[in-house]
PDB file of N, CA and C in Angstrom:
ATOM      1  N   MET A   1     103.258  91.745 110.922  1.00  0.00           N
ATOM      2  CA  MET A   1     103.702  92.959 111.569  1.00  0.00           C
ATOM      3  C   MET A   1     103.032  93.004 112.857  1.00  0.00           C
ATOM      4  N   GLU A   2     103.753  93.201 114.056  1.00  0.00           N
ATOM      5  CA  GLU A   2     103.411  93.285 115.348  1.00  0.00           C
ATOM      6  C   GLU A   2     103.213  94.732 115.638  1.00  0.00           C
ATOM      7  N   ARG A   3     102.107  94.998 116.424  1.00  0.00           N
ATOM      8  CA  ARG A   3     101.975  96.527 116.668  1.00  0.00           C
ATOM      9  C   ARG A   3     102.319  96.891 118.172  1.00  0.00           C
ATOM     10  N   LEU A   4     102.456  98.184 118.319  1.00  0.00           N
ATOM     11  CA  LEU A   4     102.655  98.759 119.569  1.00  0.00           C
ATOM     12  C   LEU A   4     101.285  99.195 119.951  1.00  0.00           C
ATOM     13  N   ARG A   5     100.754  98.854 121.259  1.00  0.00           N
ATOM     14  CA  ARG A   5      99.423  99.057 121.742  1.00  0.00           C
ATOM     15  C   ARG A   5      99.374  99.886 122.937  1.00  0.00           C
ATOM     16  N   GLN A   6     100.493  99.997 123.737  1.00  0.00           N
ATOM     17  CA  GLN A   6     100.399 100.725 125.067  1.00  0.00           C
ATOM     18  C   GLN A   6     101.136 102.075 124.918  1.00  0.00           C
ATOM     19  N   ARG A   7     100.576 103.077 125.567  1.00  0.00           N
ATOM     20  CA  ARG A   7     101.160 104.301 125.730  1.00  0.00           C
ATOM     21  C   ARG A   7     102.556 104.314 126.142  1.00  0.00           C
ATOM     22  N   THR A   8     103.071 103.439 127.186  1.00  0.00           N
ATOM     23  CA  THR A   8     104.271 103.345 127.537  1.00  0.00           C
ATOM     24  C   THR A   8     105.265 102.931 126.560  1.00  0.00           C
ATOM     25  N   ASP A   9     104.907 102.064 125.451  1.00  0.00           N
ATOM     26  CA  ASP A   9     105.769 101.727 124.627  1.00  0.00           C
ATOM     27  C   ASP A   9     106.054 102.834 123.555  1.00  0.00           C
ATOM     28  N   TYR A  10     104.939 103.592 123.356  1.00  0.00           N
ATOM     29  CA  TYR A  10     105.306 104.810 122.468  1.00  0.00           C
ATOM     30  C   TYR A  10     106.140 105.945 123.182  1.00  0.00           C
ATOM     31  N   LEU A  11     105.957 105.971 124.367  1.00  0.00           N
ATOM     32  CA  LEU A  11     106.922 107.030 124.972  1.00  0.00           C
ATOM     33  C   LEU A  11     108.295 106.648 125.180  1.00  0.00           C
ATOM     34  N   ALA A  12     108.449 105.235 125.187  1.00  0.00           N
ATOM     35  CA  ALA A  12     109.778 104.619 125.386  1.00  0.00           C
ATOM     36  C   ALA A  12     110.396 104.924 123.993  1.00  0.00           C
ATOM     37  N   VAL A  13     109.839 104.588 122.913  1.00  0.00           N
ATOM     38  CA  VAL A  13     110.426 104.628 121.502  1.00  0.00           C
ATOM     39  C   VAL A  13     110.735 106.168 121.410  1.00  0.00           C
ATOM     40  N   ALA A  14     109.899 107.041 121.952  1.00  0.00           N
ATOM     41  CA  ALA A  14     110.073 108.530 121.641  1.00  0.00           C
ATOM     42  C   ALA A  14     111.633 108.882 122.254  1.00  0.00           C
ATOM     43  N   THR A  15     112.032 108.167 123.163  1.00  0.00           N
ATOM     44  CA  THR A  15     113.484 108.491 123.697  1.00  0.00           C
ATOM     45  C   THR A  15     114.600 108.083 122.821  1.00  0.00           C
ATOM     46  N   GLY A  16     114.268 107.293 121.752  1.00  0.00           N
ATOM     47  CA  GLY A  16     115.273 106.725 121.003  1.00  0.00           C
ATOM     48  C   GLY A  16     115.577 107.615 119.697  1.00  0.00           C
ATOM     49  N   ALA A  17     116.312 106.957 118.902  1.00  0.00           N
ATOM     50  CA  ALA A  17     116.636 107.691 117.743  1.00  0.00           C
ATOM     51  C   ALA A  17     115.572 107.919 116.846  1.00  0.00           C
ATOM     52  N   ARG A  18     115.799 109.155 115.895  1.00  0.00           N
ATOM     53  CA  ARG A  18     114.716 109.556 115.051  1.00  0.00           C
ATOM     54  C   ARG A  18     115.295 109.920 113.729  1.00  0.00           C
ATOM     55  N   GLN A  19     114.511 109.651 112.690  1.00  0.00           N
ATOM     56  CA  GLN A  19     114.906 110.029 111.309  1.00  0.00           C
ATOM     57  C   GLN A  19     113.809 110.665 110.600  1.00  0.00           C
ATOM     58  N   PRO A  20     113.819 112.072 110.532  1.00  0.00           N
ATOM     59  CA  PRO A  20     112.863 112.897 109.725  1.00  0.00           C
ATOM     60  C   PRO A  20     112.861 112.667 108.261  1.00  0.00           C
ATOM     61  N   THR A  21     111.778 112.546 107.652  1.00  0.00           N
ATOM     62  CA  THR A  21     111.584 112.765 106.308  1.00  0.00           C
ATOM     63  C   THR A  21     110.446 113.702 105.904  1.00  0.00           C
ATOM     64  N   PRO A  22     110.249 114.186 104.661  1.00  0.00           N
ATOM     65  CA  PRO A  22     109.118 114.923 104.444  1.00  0.00           C
ATOM     66  C   PRO A  22     107.703 114.400 104.837  1.00  0.00           C
ATOM     67  N   ALA A  23     107.622 113.224 104.662  1.00  0.00           N
ATOM     68  CA  ALA A  23     106.332 112.467 104.928  1.00  0.00           C
ATOM     69  C   ALA A  23     105.922 111.835 106.344  1.00  0.00           C
ATOM     70  N   PHE A  24     107.002 111.646 106.929  1.00  0.00           N
ATOM     71  CA  PHE A  24     106.918 110.980 108.348  1.00  0.00           C
ATOM     72  C   PHE A  24     108.184 111.138 109.106  1.00  0.00           C
ATOM     73  N   VAL A  25     108.160 110.999 110.399  1.00  0.00           N
ATOM     74  CA  VAL A  25     109.275 110.851 111.168  1.00  0.00           C
ATOM     75  C   VAL A  25     109.345 109.441 111.658  1.00  0.00           C
ATOM     76  N   LEU A  26     110.446 108.627 111.612  1.00  0.00           N
ATOM     77  CA  LEU A  26     110.678 107.319 111.865  1.00  0.00           C
ATOM     78  C   LEU A  26     111.434 107.368 113.330  1.00  0.00           C
ATOM     79  N   GLN A  27     110.932 106.837 114.325  1.00  0.00           N
ATOM     80  CA  GLN A  27     111.617 106.651 115.701  1.00  0.00           C
ATOM     81  C   GLN A  27     111.731 105.154 115.935  1.00  0.00           C
ATOM     82  N   GLY A  28     112.951 104.844 116.443  1.00  0.00           N
ATOM     83  CA  GLY A  28     113.380 103.538 116.619  1.00  0.00           C
ATOM     84  C   GLY A  28     114.061 103.395 117.951  1.00  0.00           C
ATOM     85  N   LEU A  29     113.655 102.237 118.694  1.00  0.00           N
ATOM     86  CA  LEU A  29     114.486 101.923 119.855  1.00  0.00           C
ATOM     87  C   LEU A  29     114.687 100.365 119.958  1.00  0.00           C
ATOM     88  N   ARG A  30     115.856  99.963 120.309  1.00  0.00           N
ATOM     89  CA  ARG A  30     116.171  98.633 120.591  1.00  0.00           C
ATOM     90  C   ARG A  30     115.598  98.236 121.980  1.00  0.00           C
ATOM     91  N   ARG A  31     114.949  96.915 121.829  1.00  0.00           N
ATOM     92  CA  ARG A  31     114.375  96.312 123.118  1.00  0.00           C
ATOM     93  C   ARG A  31     115.335  95.475 123.758  1.00  0.00           C
ATOM     94  N   ASN A  32     115.043  94.938 124.733  1.00  0.00           N
ATOM     95  CA  ASN A  32     115.956  94.019 125.401  1.00  0.00           C
ATOM     96  C   ASN A  32     115.703  92.378 125.197  1.00  0.00           C
ATOM     97  N   ASP A  33     114.986  92.243 124.079  1.00  0.00           N
ATOM     98  CA  ASP A  33     114.614  90.989 123.556  1.00  0.00           C
ATOM     99  C   ASP A  33     115.196  90.891 122.074  1.00  0.00           C
ATOM    100  N   VAL A  34     114.931  89.580 121.499  1.00  0.00           N
ATOM    101  CA  VAL A  34     115.006  89.397 120.131  1.00  0.00           C
ATOM    102  C   VAL A  34     113.798  88.987 119.286  1.00  0.00           C
ATOM    103  N   GLY A  35     112.607  89.550 119.895  1.00  0.00           N
ATOM    104  CA  GLY A  35     111.491  89.264 119.132  1.00  0.00           C
ATOM    105  C   GLY A  35     111.335  89.857 117.977  1.00  0.00           C
ATOM    106  N   PRO A  36     110.169  89.818 117.116  1.00  0.00           N
ATOM    107  CA  PRO A  36     109.970  90.490 115.930  1.00  0.00           C
ATOM    108  C   PRO A  36     109.987  91.947 116.085  1.00  0.00           C
ATOM    109  N   PRO A  37     110.228  92.805 115.152  1.00  0.00           N
ATOM    110  CA  PRO A  37     110.063  94.226 115.245  1.00  0.00           C
ATOM    111  C   PRO A  37     108.526  94.496 115.496  1.00  0.00           C
ATOM    112  N   ARG A  38     108.371  95.536 116.139  1.00  0.00           N
ATOM    113  CA  ARG A  38     106.895  96.064 116.482  1.00  0.00           C
ATOM    114  C   ARG A  38     106.762  97.523 115.938  1.00  0.00           C
ATOM    115  N   PHE A  39     105.692  97.884 115.442  1.00  0.00           N
ATOM    116  CA  PHE A  39     105.409  99.123 114.978  1.00  0.00           C
ATOM    117  C   PHE A  39     104.188  99.901 115.523  1.00  0.00           C
ATOM    118  N   GLY A  40     104.325 101.126 115.542  1.00  0.00           N
ATOM    119  CA  GLY A  40     103.179 102.094 116.129  1.00  0.00           C
ATOM    120  C   GLY A  40     103.142 103.106 115.164  1.00  0.00           C
ATOM    121  N   PHE A  41     101.939 103.684 115.146  1.00  0.00           N
ATOM    122  CA  PHE A  41     101.562 104.702 114.047  1.00  0.00           C
ATOM    123  C   PHE A  41     100.826 105.710 114.675  1.00  0.00           C
ATOM    124  N   THR A  42     101.203 107.005 114.577  1.00  0.00           N
ATOM    125  CA  THR A  42     100.486 108.119 115.064  1.00  0.00           C
ATOM    126  C   THR A  42     100.489 109.392 114.198  1.00  0.00           C
ATOM    127  N   VAL A  43      99.412 109.986 114.200  1.00  0.00           N
ATOM    128  CA  VAL A  43      99.169 111.230 113.330  1.00  0.00           C
ATOM    129  C   VAL A  43      98.513 112.269 114.216  1.00  0.00           C
ATOM    130  N   ALA A  44      99.065 113.470 114.322  1.00  0.00           N
ATOM    131  CA  ALA A  44      98.591 114.503 115.107  1.00  0.00           C
ATOM    132  C   ALA A  44      97.421 115.148 114.432  1.00  0.00           C
ATOM    133  N   LYS A  45      96.679 115.748 115.161  1.00  0.00           N
ATOM    134  CA  LYS A  45      95.410 116.535 114.679  1.00  0.00           C
ATOM    135  C   LYS A  45      95.762 117.675 113.808  1.00  0.00           C
ATOM    136  N   LYS A  46      96.918 118.170 114.019  1.00  0.00           N
ATOM    137  CA  LYS A  46      97.293 119.437 113.102  1.00  0.00           C
ATOM    138  C   LYS A  46      97.545 118.869 111.522  1.00  0.00           C
ATOM    139  N   VAL A  47      97.642 117.587 111.429  1.00  0.00           N
ATOM    140  CA  VAL A  47      97.608 117.105 109.878  1.00  0.00           C
ATOM    141  C   VAL A  47      96.339 117.262 109.244  1.00  0.00           C
ATOM    142  N   GLY A  48      95.277 117.257 109.881  1.00  0.00           N
ATOM    143  CA  GLY A  48      94.139 117.469 109.269  1.00  0.00           C
ATOM    144  C   GLY A  48      92.854 116.931 109.951  1.00  0.00           C
ATOM    145  N   LYS A  49      91.803 116.771 109.398  1.00  0.00           N
ATOM    146  CA  LYS A  49      90.614 116.278 109.937  1.00  0.00           C
ATOM    147  C   LYS A  49      90.622 114.715 109.887  1.00  0.00           C
ATOM    148  N   ALA A  50      89.736 113.952 110.802  1.00  0.00           N
ATOM    149  CA  ALA A  50      90.007 112.547 110.921  1.00  0.00           C
ATOM    150  C   ALA A  50      90.055 111.696 109.578  1.00  0.00           C
ATOM    151  N   THR A  51      89.397 112.035 108.678  1.00  0.00           N
ATOM    152  CA  THR A  51      89.405 111.389 107.313  1.00  0.00           C
ATOM    153  C   THR A  51      90.925 111.443 106.754  1.00  0.00           C
ATOM    154  N   GLU A  52      91.605 112.727 106.883  1.00  0.00           N
ATOM    155  CA  GLU A  52      92.966 112.741 106.282  1.00  0.00           C
ATOM    156  C   GLU A  52      93.858 112.159 107.199  1.00  0.00           C
ATOM    157  N   ARG A  53      93.732 112.245 108.538  1.00  0.00           N
ATOM    158  CA  ARG A  53      94.579 111.488 109.409  1.00  0.00           C
ATOM    159  C   ARG A  53      94.601 109.895 109.169  1.00  0.00           C
ATOM    160  N   ASN A  54      93.373 109.499 109.048  1.00  0.00           N
ATOM    161  CA  ASN A  54      93.157 108.052 108.906  1.00  0.00           C
ATOM    162  C   ASN A  54      93.934 107.629 107.577  1.00  0.00           C
ATOM    163  N   ARG A  55      93.791 108.396 106.518  1.00  0.00           N
ATOM    164  CA  ARG A  55      94.357 108.042 105.201  1.00  0.00           C
ATOM    165  C   ARG A  55      95.739 108.122 105.395  1.00  0.00           C
ATOM    166  N   VAL A  56      96.409 109.044 105.989  1.00  0.00           N
ATOM    167  CA  VAL A  56      97.935 109.110 106.325  1.00  0.00           C
ATOM    168  C   VAL A  56      98.324 107.845 106.996  1.00  0.00           C
ATOM    169  N   ARG A  57      97.529 107.512 108.086  1.00  0.00           N
ATOM    170  CA  ARG A  57      97.848 106.252 108.817  1.00  0.00           C
ATOM    171  C   ARG A  57      97.714 104.915 107.997  1.00  0.00           C
ATOM    172  N   ARG A  58      96.720 104.826 107.028  1.00  0.00           N
ATOM    173  CA  ARG A  58      96.472 103.592 106.211  1.00  0.00           C
ATOM    174  C   ARG A  58      97.748 103.753 105.259  1.00  0.00           C
ATOM    175  N   ARG A  59      98.222 104.730 104.738  1.00  0.00           N
ATOM    176  CA  ARG A  59      99.243 104.643 103.860  1.00  0.00           C
ATOM    177  C   ARG A  59     100.479 104.268 104.472  1.00  0.00           C
ATOM    178  N   LEU A  60     100.775 104.785 105.666  1.00  0.00           N
ATOM    179  CA  LEU A  60     101.962 104.420 106.428  1.00  0.00           C
ATOM    180  C   LEU A  60     101.980 102.907 106.784  1.00  0.00           C
ATOM    181  N   LYS A  61     100.959 102.419 107.242  1.00  0.00           N
ATOM    182  CA  LYS A  61     100.684 100.967 107.569  1.00  0.00           C
ATOM    183  C   LYS A  61     101.086 100.158 106.110  1.00  0.00           C
ATOM    184  N   GLU A  62     100.418 100.383 105.064  1.00  0.00           N
ATOM    185  CA  GLU A  62     100.702  99.809 103.868  1.00  0.00           C
ATOM    186  C   GLU A  62     102.047  99.851 103.373  1.00  0.00           C
ATOM    187  N   MET A  63     102.704 100.918 103.637  1.00  0.00           N
ATOM    188  CA  MET A  63     104.225 101.276 103.289  1.00  0.00           C
ATOM    189  C   MET A  63     104.942 100.198 104.136  1.00  0.00           C
ATOM    190  N   VAL A  64     104.736  99.997 105.347  1.00  0.00           N
ATOM    191  CA  VAL A  64     105.456  98.990 106.218  1.00  0.00           C
ATOM    192  C   VAL A  64     105.274  97.488 105.903  1.00  0.00           C
ATOM    193  N   ARG A  65     104.065  97.405 105.502  1.00  0.00           N
ATOM    194  CA  ARG A  65     103.539  95.979 105.096  1.00  0.00           C
ATOM    195  C   ARG A  65     104.375  95.543 103.760  1.00  0.00           C
ATOM    196  N   LEU A  66     104.510  96.461 102.875  1.00  0.00           N
ATOM    197  CA  LEU A  66     105.099  96.069 101.487  1.00  0.00           C
ATOM    198  C   LEU A  66     106.708  96.252 101.598  1.00  0.00           C
ATOM    199  N   ALA A  67     107.253  96.862 102.774  1.00  0.00           N
ATOM    200  CA  ALA A  67     108.740  96.922 102.797  1.00  0.00           C
ATOM    201  C   ALA A  67     109.399  95.574 102.985  1.00  0.00           C
ATOM    202  N   PRO A  68     110.507  95.523 102.435  1.00  0.00           N
ATOM    203  CA  PRO A  68     111.301  94.144 102.645  1.00  0.00           C
ATOM    204  C   PRO A  68     111.427  93.877 104.258  1.00  0.00           C
ATOM    205  N   ALA A  69     111.157  92.831 104.612  1.00  0.00           N
ATOM    206  CA  ALA A  69     111.386  92.444 105.985  1.00  0.00           C
ATOM    207  C   ALA A  69     112.861  92.455 106.469  1.00  0.00           C
ATOM    208  N   GLU A  70     113.816  92.133 105.606  1.00  0.00           N
ATOM    209  CA  GLU A  70     115.203  92.153 105.961  1.00  0.00           C
ATOM    210  C   GLU A  70     115.712  93.548 106.427  1.00  0.00           C
ATOM    211  N   ARG A  71     114.831  94.646 106.150  1.00  0.00           N
ATOM    212  CA  ARG A  71     115.367  95.896 106.393  1.00  0.00           C
ATOM    213  C   ARG A  71     115.116  96.197 107.949  1.00  0.00           C
ATOM    214  N   MET A  72     114.088  95.631 108.414  1.00  0.00           N
ATOM    215  CA  MET A  72     113.837  95.795 109.907  1.00  0.00           C
ATOM    216  C   MET A  72     114.422  94.958 110.801  1.00  0.00           C
ATOM    217  N   ARG A  73     114.890  95.414 111.930  1.00  0.00           N
ATOM    218  CA  ARG A  73     115.664  94.498 112.693  1.00  0.00           C
ATOM    219  C   ARG A  73     114.799  93.805 113.908  1.00  0.00           C
ATOM    220  N   ALA A  74     115.062  92.649 114.227  1.00  0.00           N
ATOM    221  CA  ALA A  74     114.504  92.030 115.352  1.00  0.00           C
ATOM    222  C   ALA A  74     114.871  92.733 116.465  1.00  0.00           C
ATOM    223  N   GLY A  75     114.065  92.734 117.566  1.00  0.00           N
ATOM    224  CA  GLY A  75     114.315  93.334 118.883  1.00  0.00           C
ATOM    225  C   GLY A  75     114.152  94.854 118.734  1.00  0.00           C
ATOM    226  N   TYR A  76     113.519  95.474 117.758  1.00  0.00           N
ATOM    227  CA  TYR A  76     113.328  96.888 117.651  1.00  0.00           C
ATOM    228  C   TYR A  76     111.969  97.117 117.662  1.00  0.00           C
ATOM    229  N   ASP A  77     111.636  98.303 118.265  1.00  0.00           N
ATOM    230  CA  ASP A  77     110.211  98.995 118.300  1.00  0.00           C
ATOM    231  C   ASP A  77     110.350 100.352 117.389  1.00  0.00           C
ATOM    232  N   TYR A  78     109.440 100.455 116.534  1.00  0.00           N
ATOM    233  CA  TYR A  78     109.383 101.599 115.728  1.00  0.00           C
ATOM    234  C   TYR A  78     108.050 102.225 115.726  1.00  0.00           C
ATOM    235  N   VAL A  79     108.128 103.638 115.677  1.00  0.00           N
ATOM    236  CA  VAL A  79     106.897 104.422 115.512  1.00  0.00           C
ATOM    237  C   VAL A  79     107.077 105.451 114.403  1.00  0.00           C
ATOM    238  N   LEU A  80     106.049 105.454 113.544  1.00  0.00           N
ATOM    239  CA  LEU A  80     106.058 106.372 112.461  1.00  0.00           C
ATOM    240  C   LEU A  80     105.004 107.394 112.880  1.00  0.00           C
ATOM    241  N   VAL A  81     105.494 108.756 112.754  1.00  0.00           N
ATOM    242  CA  VAL A  81     104.719 109.916 113.069  1.00  0.00           C
ATOM    243  C   VAL A  81     104.332 110.450 111.823  1.00  0.00           C
ATOM    244  N   GLY A  82     103.165 110.290 111.336  1.00  0.00           N
ATOM    245  CA  GLY A  82     102.734 110.908 110.005  1.00  0.00           C
ATOM    246  C   GLY A  82     102.722 112.362 109.892  1.00  0.00           C
ATOM    247  N   ARG A  83     102.992 112.781 108.778  1.00  0.00           N
ATOM    248  CA  ARG A  83     102.975 114.326 108.575  1.00  0.00           C
ATOM    249  C   ARG A  83     102.063 114.491 107.261  1.00  0.00           C
ATOM    250  N   ARG A  84     101.515 115.723 107.035  1.00  0.00           N
ATOM    251  CA  ARG A  84     100.449 116.015 106.009  1.00  0.00           C
ATOM    252  C   ARG A  84     101.155 115.680 104.608  1.00  0.00           C
ATOM    253  N   ALA A  85     102.298 115.792 104.463  1.00  0.00           N
ATOM    254  CA  ALA A  85     102.924 115.461 103.093  1.00  0.00           C
ATOM    255  C   ALA A  85     102.693 114.116 102.551  1.00  0.00           C
ATOM    256  N   ALA A  86     102.414 113.189 103.548  1.00  0.00           N
ATOM    257  CA  ALA A  86     102.240 111.684 103.159  1.00  0.00           C
ATOM    258  C   ALA A  86     100.978 111.569 102.446  1.00  0.00           C
ATOM    259  N   LEU A  87      99.930 112.564 102.372  1.00  0.00           N
ATOM    260  CA  LEU A  87      98.745 112.562 101.494  1.00  0.00           C
ATOM    261  C   LEU A  87      99.027 112.647 100.117  1.00  0.00           C
ATOM    262  N   ALA A  88     100.185 113.442  99.713  1.00  0.00           N
ATOM    263  CA  ALA A  88     100.322 113.755  98.332  1.00  0.00           C
ATOM    264  C   ALA A  88     101.507 113.175  97.620  1.00  0.00           C
ATOM    265  N   LEU A  89     102.441 112.590  98.538  1.00  0.00           N
ATOM    266  CA  LEU A  89     103.582 111.938  98.101  1.00  0.00           C
ATOM    267  C   LEU A  89     103.365 110.715  97.219  1.00  0.00           C
ATOM    268  N   PRO A  90     103.794 110.500  96.052  1.00  0.00           N
ATOM    269  CA  PRO A  90     103.572 109.120  95.303  1.00  0.00           C
ATOM    270  C   PRO A  90     104.167 108.006  96.230  1.00  0.00           C
ATOM    271  N   PHE A  91     103.283 106.910  96.188  1.00  0.00           N
ATOM    272  CA  PHE A  91     103.612 105.853  97.079  1.00  0.00           C
ATOM    273  C   PHE A  91     104.966 105.208  96.941  1.00  0.00           C
ATOM    274  N   ASP A  92     105.413 105.039  95.702  1.00  0.00           N
ATOM    275  CA  ASP A  92     106.761 104.513  95.591  1.00  0.00           C
ATOM    276  C   ASP A  92     107.685 105.324  96.170  1.00  0.00           C
ATOM    277  N   ARG A  93     107.610 106.682  96.142  1.00  0.00           N
ATOM    278  CA  ARG A  93     108.558 107.540  96.834  1.00  0.00           C
ATOM    279  C   ARG A  93     108.530 107.419  98.457  1.00  0.00           C
ATOM    280  N   LEU A  94     107.162 107.205  98.758  1.00  0.00           N
ATOM    281  CA  LEU A  94     107.076 106.971 100.312  1.00  0.00           C
ATOM    282  C   LEU A  94     107.726 105.651 100.796  1.00  0.00           C
ATOM    283  N   ILE A  95     107.830 104.692  99.919  1.00  0.00           N
ATOM    284  CA  ILE A  95     108.501 103.469 100.279  1.00  0.00           C
ATOM    285  C   ILE A  95     109.950 103.713 100.331  1.00  0.00           C
ATOM    286  N   ALA A  96     110.475 104.440  99.282  1.00  0.00           N
ATOM    287  CA  ALA A  96     111.789 104.577  99.295  1.00  0.00           C
ATOM    288  C   ALA A  96     112.309 105.574 100.400  1.00  0.00           C
ATOM    289  N   GLU A  97     111.454 106.454 100.819  1.00  0.00           N
ATOM    290  CA  GLU A  97     111.848 107.349 102.012  1.00  0.00           C
ATOM    291  C   GLU A  97     111.979 106.343 103.295  1.00  0.00           C
ATOM    292  N   PHE A  98     111.084 105.480 103.289  1.00  0.00           N
ATOM    293  CA  PHE A  98     110.916 104.567 104.473  1.00  0.00           C
ATOM    294  C   PHE A  98     112.136 103.752 104.611  1.00  0.00           C
ATOM    295  N   GLU A  99     112.640 103.119 103.448  1.00  0.00           N
ATOM    296  CA  GLU A  99     113.803 102.362 103.498  1.00  0.00           C
ATOM    297  C   GLU A  99     115.084 103.077 103.737  1.00  0.00           C
ATOM    298  N   GLY A 100     115.141 104.325 103.223  1.00  0.00           N
ATOM    299  CA  GLY A 100     116.218 105.135 103.490  1.00  0.00           C
ATOM    300  C   GLY A 100     116.345 105.586 104.877  1.00  0.00           C
ATOM    301  N   ALA A 101     115.124 105.821 105.530  1.00  0.00           N
ATOM    302  CA  ALA A 101     115.150 106.230 106.858  1.00  0.00           C
ATOM    303  C   ALA A 101     115.629 105.026 107.864  1.00  0.00           C
ATOM    304  N   LEU A 102     115.036 103.785 107.453  1.00  0.00           N
ATOM    305  CA  LEU A 102     115.506 102.630 108.169  1.00  0.00           C
ATOM    306  C   LEU A 102     117.061 102.530 108.119  1.00  0.00           C
ATOM    307  N   GLU A 103     117.543 102.716 106.832  1.00  0.00           N
ATOM    308  CA  GLU A 103     119.011 102.413 106.825  1.00  0.00           C
ATOM    309  C   GLU A 103     119.796 103.569 107.624  1.00  0.00           C
ATOM    310  N   ARG A 104     119.468 104.774 107.574  1.00  0.00           N
ATOM    311  CA  ARG A 104     119.991 105.750 108.392  1.00  0.00           C
ATOM    312  C   ARG A 104     119.962 105.529 109.903  1.00  0.00           C
ATOM    313  N   LEU A 105     118.723 105.012 110.262  1.00  0.00           N
ATOM    314  CA  LEU A 105     118.494 104.794 111.740  1.00  0.00           C
ATOM    315  C   LEU A 105     119.420 103.620 112.186  1.00  0.00           C
ATOM    316  N   HIS A 106     119.743 102.795 111.351  1.00  0.00           N
ATOM    317  CA  HIS A 106     120.443 101.443 111.670  1.00  0.00           C
ATOM    318  C   HIS A 106     121.996 101.803 111.364  1.00  0.00           C
ATOM    319  N   GLY A 107     122.252 102.975 110.860  1.00  0.00           N
ATOM    320  CA  GLY A 107     123.736 103.281 110.560  1.00  0.00           C
ATOM    321  C   GLY A 107     124.162 102.520 109.452  1.00  0.00           C
ATOM    322  N   GLY A 108     123.217 102.329 108.281  1.00  0.00           N
ATOM    323  CA  GLY A 108     123.811 101.583 107.242  1.00  0.00           C
ATOM    324  C   GLY A 108     124.864 102.290 106.414  1.00  0.00           C
ATOM    325  N   PRO A 109     124.952 101.621 105.342  1.00  0.00           N
ATOM    326  CA  PRO A 109     126.170 102.136 104.537  1.00  0.00           C
ATOM    327  C   PRO A 109     125.880 103.462 103.970  1.00  0.00           C
ATOM    328  N   ARG A 110     126.969 104.312 104.170  1.00  0.00           N
ATOM    329  CA  ARG A 110     126.880 105.716 103.846  1.00  0.00           C
ATOM    330  C   ARG A 110     127.961 105.946 102.809  1.00  0.00           C
ATOM    331  N   PRO A 111     127.908 106.783 101.792  1.00  0.00           N
ATOM    332  CA  PRO A 111     128.782 107.017 100.830  1.00  0.00           C
ATOM    333  C   PRO A 111     129.949 107.820 101.441  1.00  0.00           C
ATOM    334  N   TYR A 112     131.189 107.712 101.040  1.00  0.00           N
ATOM    335  CA  TYR A 112     132.264 108.471 101.786  1.00  0.00           C
ATOM    336  C   TYR A 112     132.502 109.619 100.912  1.00  0.00           C
ATOM    337  N   HIS A 113     132.383 110.756 101.479  1.00  0.00           N
ATOM    338  CA  HIS A 113     132.515 112.052 100.898  1.00  0.00           C
ATOM    339  C   HIS A 113     133.948 112.686 101.417  1.00  0.00           C
ATOM    340  N   ARG A 114     134.799 112.945 100.440  1.00  0.00           N
ATOM    341  CA  ARG A 114     135.980 113.473 100.966  1.00  0.00           C
ATOM    342  C   ARG A 114     135.957 115.014 100.878  1.00  0.00           C
ATOM    343  N   ARG A 115     136.318 115.816 101.888  1.00  0.00           N
ATOM    344  CA  ARG A 115     136.231 117.313 101.901  1.00  0.00           C
ATOM    345  C   ARG A 115     137.333 117.749 100.831  1.00  0.00           C
ATOM    346  N   ALA A 116     136.854 118.857 100.263  1.00  0.00           N
ATOM    347  CA  ALA A 116     137.664 119.448  99.413  1.00  0.00           C
ATOM    348  C   ALA A 116     138.725 120.179 100.155  1.00  0.00           C
ATOM    349  N   GLY A 117     139.994 120.222  99.622  1.00  0.00           N
ATOM    350  CA  GLY A 117     141.086 120.938 100.329  1.00  0.00           C
ATOM    351  C   GLY A 117     141.712 120.205 101.395  1.00  0.00           C
ATOM    352  N   GLY A 118     141.445 119.045 101.699  1.00  0.00           N
ATOM    353  CA  GLY A 118     142.144 118.419 102.729  1.00  0.00           C
ATOM    354  C   GLY A 118     141.559 117.224 103.359  1.00  0.00           C
TER     355      GLY A 118
END
C-alpha cells in the first residue's frame, strides 16, 4: 500500500468524490497516471485523545491492508477520514463498509429498484 504524504495530495483528494459511512468517510480522486492506488489516513481531534485517534487510524490501515486489492483502482488516491464509531464497530463490519464505500465511489453495480405506481 502506497501512502499519501504531502498536504497538497490530501487537499486534492478532498475535492473529489466522497462516500460517508458511520465509521469513516472515504474520499477518492483519479490521478493522471496509472500507478498503484495511494492511501491517506486522517482523524480529527474531536474524535478523542491521541490514543483513541491512533487506534482509529490503526484500525483503518489494517482494514485497507486486508481488503481485496481488486476493489481498489490503479491511478486513484484515497483518503479515509476516521470517525469515533470506528472504535466500537466490529472489524468485519468495518471491512464490509469499506468494500461497499469503494463500490459506491466507483459506481459499482447497484440493484434496480422500480418505483411503485409507475
